[in-house]
Amino acid sequence: MFTGIIETLGIVHLIEKKDDNLDITIQSSITHELKIDQSVAHNGVCLTVVAIDDDLYTVTAIRETIEKTNMSSWQKGDIVNLERAMKLGDRLDGHIVQGHVDQTAQCIKIEQAGGSWYYTFEYDSNLGNVTIEKGSITVNGVSLTVVNSKDNGFSVAIIPYTHEHTNFKSFRVGTQVNLEFDVIGKYVSRLYQKK
């Protein structure tokens, strides 16, 4: 379980294909605090630490994860948002995030707005996911509030702190991102569909 509040950034150091899986080695300032078998969200994707070496750690992504996320486009040197699992009893500063990406989206517009930014994303609405105005959404692991909700897209407002301390600063029109829709909203939507 995560909160969507990014702890730090990591750099993709190595990607190795092993059968249908990817072993991804990340360089990070929090590596010395990690343990093998620990869960870490990478751009919102919950992955298990399988090896640690100095300031590098390795995680493995299986085919289903690779197909549902933007991980197949990751390259050496890419910057990823990192968050360790929340501790029981901590404040929930973002929203309830599982680290299970629902689908990807494409950034279609970036607007500066007097010291902040608006990012607009478009996604395939045929997969049944929805956003609501002022609801929660996780973009590359970042807990955000939906602005301008549409059937196949939405916008988010990014403050300078978030812009500086996440990989939002590297987004361009066309950037593919990972989305995790609000878990409560997913249950409500599913129940409504059954009626």
Protein backbone atom coordinates (compact mmCIF):
# COMPACT_ATOMS: atom_id res chain seq x y z
CA MET A 1 0.00 0.00 0.00
CA PHE A 2 1.28 3.44 -0.97
CA THR A 3 0.17 7.06 -0.63
CA GLY A 4 1.27 8.55 -3.94
CA ILE A 5 3.65 10.96 -2.22
CA ILE A 6 6.96 10.49 -4.04
CA GLU A 7 9.90 9.93 -1.72
CA THR A 8 12.79 10.35 -4.15
CA LEU A 9 13.88 9.82 -7.74
CA GLY A 10 15.84 6.87 -9.08
CA ILE A 11 17.88 6.39 -12.25
CA VAL A 12 17.52 3.30 -14.43
CA HIS A 13 21.03 1.80 -14.39
CA LEU A 14 20.49 -1.48 -16.28
CA ILE A 15 17.65 -3.39 -17.94
CA GLU A 16 18.07 -7.10 -18.65
CA LYS A 17 15.51 -9.26 -20.43
CA LYS A 18 15.14 -12.72 -18.90
CA ASP A 19 12.58 -14.81 -20.78
CA ASP A 20 9.36 -12.73 -20.63
CA ASN A 21 10.56 -10.75 -17.59
CA LEU A 22 12.65 -7.62 -17.17
CA ASP A 23 15.25 -7.28 -14.41
CA ILE A 24 15.61 -3.56 -13.80
CA THR A 25 18.48 -2.16 -11.76
CA ILE A 26 17.90 1.26 -10.19
CA GLN A 27 20.41 3.66 -8.66
CA SER A 28 18.88 5.46 -5.70
CA SER A 29 19.69 7.44 -2.58
CA ILE A 30 17.37 5.14 -0.55
CA THR A 31 18.98 1.85 -1.63
CA HIS A 32 20.89 1.55 1.68
CA GLU A 33 17.53 1.56 3.52
CA LEU A 34 15.95 -1.18 1.37
CA LYS A 35 15.72 -4.89 2.10
CA ILE A 36 15.30 -7.84 -0.23
CA ASP A 37 11.57 -8.74 -0.61
CA GLN A 38 10.55 -5.12 0.11
CA SER A 39 7.96 -3.44 -2.13
CA VAL A 40 8.85 -0.18 -3.88
CA ALA A 41 6.64 1.75 -6.31
CA HIS A 42 8.45 2.76 -9.52
CA ASN A 43 6.40 5.33 -11.49
CA GLY A 44 3.48 3.83 -9.59
CA VAL A 45 4.35 0.19 -10.32
CA CYS A 46 4.77 -1.95 -7.20
CA LEU A 47 7.84 -4.17 -7.64
CA THR A 48 9.77 -6.39 -5.24
CA VAL A 49 13.46 -5.81 -4.48
CA VAL A 50 15.35 -8.98 -5.45
CA ALA A 51 18.99 -7.82 -5.13
CA ILE A 52 20.99 -4.98 -3.56
CA ASP A 53 24.54 -3.89 -4.42
CA ASP A 54 25.89 -0.67 -2.89
CA ASP A 55 23.61 2.14 -4.18
CA LEU A 56 21.98 -0.14 -6.79
CA TYR A 57 19.00 -2.44 -6.33
CA THR A 58 17.21 -4.76 -8.75
CA VAL A 59 13.52 -5.51 -9.23
CA THR A 60 11.79 -7.91 -11.62
CA ALA A 61 8.76 -7.09 -13.76
CA ILE A 62 6.68 -9.91 -15.25
CA ARG A 63 5.02 -9.82 -18.68
CA GLU A 64 1.59 -8.71 -17.39
CA THR A 65 3.17 -5.74 -15.61
CA ILE A 66 5.21 -4.81 -18.67
CA GLU A 67 2.12 -4.96 -20.92
CA LYS A 68 -0.05 -2.77 -18.63
CA THR A 69 2.58 -0.10 -17.94
CA ASN A 70 5.09 2.09 -19.76
CA MET A 71 8.00 -0.09 -18.59
CA SER A 72 8.69 -1.50 -22.05
CA SER A 73 9.87 1.95 -23.11
CA TRP A 74 12.22 2.49 -20.13
CA GLN A 75 15.87 2.99 -21.03
CA LYS A 76 19.15 3.30 -19.19
CA GLY A 77 19.34 6.81 -17.70
CA ASP A 78 15.57 7.32 -17.36
CA ILE A 79 14.43 8.97 -14.14
CA VAL A 80 11.67 7.21 -12.19
CA ASN A 81 9.54 8.28 -9.23
CA LEU A 82 10.13 6.10 -6.15
CA GLU A 83 8.00 5.49 -3.07
CA ARG A 84 8.46 2.84 -0.41
CA ALA A 85 5.37 1.17 1.04
CA MET A 86 3.68 3.19 3.75
CA LYS A 87 4.08 2.29 7.41
CA LEU A 88 1.03 1.38 9.43
CA GLY A 89 0.16 4.36 11.62
CA ASP A 90 1.65 7.02 9.31
CA ARG A 91 -0.40 9.89 7.93
CA LEU A 92 -2.02 9.19 4.58
CA ASP A 93 -0.90 12.42 2.85
CA GLY A 94 -1.98 11.39 -0.67
CA HIS A 95 -4.68 8.78 -1.20
CA ILE A 96 -4.89 4.97 -1.07
CA VAL A 97 -2.58 3.70 -3.83
CA GLN A 98 -2.08 -0.01 -4.43
CA GLY A 99 0.83 0.17 -6.86
CA HIS A 100 -1.21 -1.81 -9.42
CA VAL A 101 -1.27 0.19 -12.64
CA ASP A 102 -4.59 0.00 -14.50
CA GLN A 103 -3.42 1.33 -17.86
CA THR A 104 -1.26 3.93 -19.56
CA ALA A 105 -2.12 7.36 -20.89
CA GLN A 106 -0.47 9.87 -23.18
CA CYS A 107 0.33 13.46 -22.28
CA ILE A 108 -1.43 15.59 -24.89
CA LYS A 109 -0.99 19.11 -23.51
CA ILE A 110 1.21 21.04 -21.06
CA GLU A 111 0.33 24.58 -20.01
CA GLN A 112 2.22 26.92 -17.70
CA ALA A 113 -0.06 28.80 -15.32
CA GLY A 114 1.69 31.50 -13.31
CA GLY A 115 4.19 29.32 -11.47
CA SER A 116 2.36 26.01 -11.78
CA TRP A 117 1.57 23.67 -14.66
CA TYR A 118 -1.48 21.91 -16.09
CA TYR A 119 -0.86 18.52 -17.69
CA THR A 120 -3.60 16.94 -19.79
CA PHE A 121 -3.70 13.19 -20.42
CA GLU A 122 -5.74 11.01 -22.76
CA TYR A 123 -6.43 7.32 -22.13
CA ASP A 124 -8.41 4.46 -23.68
CA SER A 125 -11.85 4.68 -22.06
CA ASN A 126 -12.82 1.28 -23.52
CA LEU A 127 -11.01 -0.34 -20.57
CA GLY A 128 -13.79 0.90 -18.26
CA ASN A 129 -11.76 3.26 -16.07
CA VAL A 130 -13.20 6.65 -15.15
CA THR A 131 -12.19 9.85 -13.41
CA ILE A 132 -14.36 12.35 -11.64
CA GLU A 133 -13.87 16.06 -11.08
CA LYS A 134 -11.82 16.60 -7.90
CA GLY A 135 -11.36 12.84 -7.53
CA SER A 136 -7.99 11.14 -7.02
CA ILE A 137 -5.72 9.75 -9.74
CA THR A 138 -2.19 8.40 -9.64
CA VAL A 139 0.08 9.43 -12.54
CA ASN A 140 3.48 7.69 -12.56
CA GLY A 141 2.93 7.02 -8.87
CA VAL A 142 2.08 10.64 -7.95
CA SER A 143 -1.19 11.18 -6.04
CA LEU A 144 -3.07 14.02 -7.74
CA THR A 145 -6.48 15.65 -7.94
CA VAL A 146 -8.39 15.42 -11.23
CA VAL A 147 -9.21 18.65 -13.02
CA ASN A 148 -11.37 18.81 -16.13
CA SER A 149 -12.53 15.18 -16.13
CA LYS A 150 -13.71 13.80 -19.49
CA ASP A 151 -14.71 10.36 -20.76
CA ASN A 152 -11.22 9.59 -22.05
CA GLY A 153 -9.04 12.18 -20.39
CA PHE A 154 -8.35 14.60 -17.59
CA SER A 155 -5.96 17.29 -16.44
CA VAL A 156 -3.96 17.72 -13.25
CA ALA A 157 -2.44 20.86 -11.73
CA ILE A 158 1.18 20.52 -10.65
CA ILE A 159 2.71 22.81 -8.04
CA PRO A 160 6.41 23.80 -8.29
CA TYR A 161 7.46 21.38 -5.51
CA THR A 162 5.91 18.39 -7.30
CA HIS A 163 7.33 19.53 -10.63
CA GLU A 164 10.83 19.71 -9.18
CA HIS A 165 10.77 16.52 -7.08
CA THR A 166 9.14 14.09 -9.54
CA ASN A 167 9.71 13.13 -13.16
CA PHE A 168 6.88 15.46 -14.28
CA LYS A 169 9.62 17.94 -15.21
CA SER A 170 10.73 15.53 -17.96
CA PHE A 171 7.25 15.07 -19.50
CA ARG A 172 6.65 16.30 -23.03
CA VAL A 173 3.60 16.08 -25.29
CA GLY A 174 3.57 12.40 -26.27
CA THR A 175 5.06 11.07 -23.02
CA GLN A 176 3.39 7.82 -21.99
CA VAL A 177 2.56 7.53 -18.26
CA ASN A 178 1.18 4.92 -15.87
CA LEU A 179 -2.29 5.45 -14.39
CA GLU A 180 -3.82 3.95 -11.29
CA PHE A 181 -7.43 5.01 -10.87
CA ASP A 182 -8.90 5.58 -7.40
CA VAL A 183 -9.55 2.20 -5.77
CA ILE A 184 -12.82 3.32 -4.16
CA GLY A 185 -14.02 4.70 -7.48
CA LYS A 186 -13.17 1.40 -9.18
CA TYR A 187 -15.31 -0.56 -6.71
CA VAL A 188 -18.23 1.86 -7.03
CA SER A 189 -18.00 1.75 -10.84
CA ARG A 190 -17.90 -2.07 -10.82
CA LEU A 191 -20.94 -2.31 -8.54
CA TYR A 192 -22.85 0.17 -10.69
CA GLN A 193 -22.05 -1.84 -13.85
CA LYS A 194 -23.49 -4.99 -12.24
CA LYS A 195 -26.90 -3.35 -11.68
